[in-house]
Amino acid sequence: MNIIINGQTKEFPIEITLENVLKELSLEGKVMAAAVNMQIVKQANWSSYILNDGDKLELLDFVGGG
């Protein structure tokens, strides 16, 4: 199954959750917001949100500056 993450296509096993994608990419605790196909997915739902082939996932991390 292919998922487009921040513009780059990545291959994952079928029936993967948003939370497991973050684990696979070693992004646990780093991502502050996620949108699938332009729809925000609340962080409380990441463990149960199952991604589909061809989904477009945008992961955002907020960085402070000075």
Protein backbone atom coordinates (compact mmCIF):
# COMPACT_ATOMS: atom_id res chain seq x y z
CA MET A 1 0.00 0.00 0.00
CA ASN A 2 1.35 3.45 -0.92
CA ILE A 3 0.80 6.58 1.15
CA ILE A 4 1.98 10.02 0.09
CA ILE A 5 3.61 11.67 3.11
CA ASN A 6 4.48 15.35 2.78
CA GLY A 7 4.74 14.86 -0.98
CA GLN A 8 6.84 11.66 -0.95
CA THR A 9 5.42 8.21 -1.64
CA LYS A 10 6.14 5.55 0.99
CA GLU A 11 5.11 1.90 0.99
CA PHE A 12 3.46 0.34 4.04
CA PRO A 13 1.65 -2.89 4.87
CA ILE A 14 -2.11 -2.86 4.40
CA GLU A 15 -4.31 -1.87 7.36
CA ILE A 16 -1.83 0.48 9.02
CA THR A 17 -2.94 3.15 11.47
CA LEU A 18 -1.75 6.73 11.50
CA GLU A 19 -0.02 6.07 14.84
CA ASN A 20 1.85 3.09 13.38
CA VAL A 21 3.00 5.15 10.40
CA LEU A 22 4.55 7.62 12.83
CA LYS A 23 6.25 4.75 14.68
CA GLU A 24 7.59 3.31 11.40
CA LEU A 25 9.02 6.73 10.51
CA SER A 26 10.43 7.29 14.04
CA LEU A 27 8.31 10.42 14.41
CA GLU A 28 6.53 9.56 17.67
CA GLY A 29 6.35 12.63 19.88
CA LYS A 30 7.63 14.89 17.09
CA VAL A 31 4.47 15.40 15.05
CA MET A 32 1.98 17.90 16.43
CA ALA A 33 -0.70 17.76 13.73
CA ALA A 34 -1.73 15.38 10.97
CA ALA A 35 -4.07 15.75 8.02
CA VAL A 36 -5.24 12.96 5.74
CA ASN A 37 -6.55 14.09 2.36
CA MET A 38 -6.76 17.68 3.65
CA GLN A 39 -8.82 16.67 6.74
CA ILE A 40 -7.29 17.15 10.19
CA VAL A 41 -7.20 13.97 12.27
CA LYS A 42 -7.30 14.61 16.01
CA GLN A 43 -4.36 13.17 17.90
CA ALA A 44 -6.73 11.16 20.11
CA ASN A 45 -7.83 9.25 16.97
CA TRP A 46 -4.38 8.44 15.55
CA SER A 47 -4.28 4.95 17.09
CA SER A 48 -7.57 3.93 15.45
CA TYR A 49 -7.39 5.89 12.17
CA ILE A 50 -6.65 3.37 9.39
CA LEU A 51 -5.01 4.74 6.26
CA ASN A 52 -5.95 3.65 2.74
CA ASP A 53 -3.89 3.12 -0.38
CA GLY A 54 -3.20 6.47 -2.06
CA ASP A 55 -3.99 8.62 0.99
CA LYS A 56 -2.17 11.94 1.16
CA LEU A 57 -0.79 12.46 4.65
CA GLU A 58 0.58 15.80 5.80
CA LEU A 59 2.56 15.79 9.05
CA LEU A 60 3.30 19.06 10.77
CA ASP A 61 5.78 19.88 13.49
CA PHE A 62 5.70 23.28 15.12
CA VAL A 63 9.09 24.87 15.55
CA GLY A 64 9.74 27.92 17.68
CA GLY A 65 12.27 30.49 16.63
CA GLY A 66 13.94 33.47 18.06
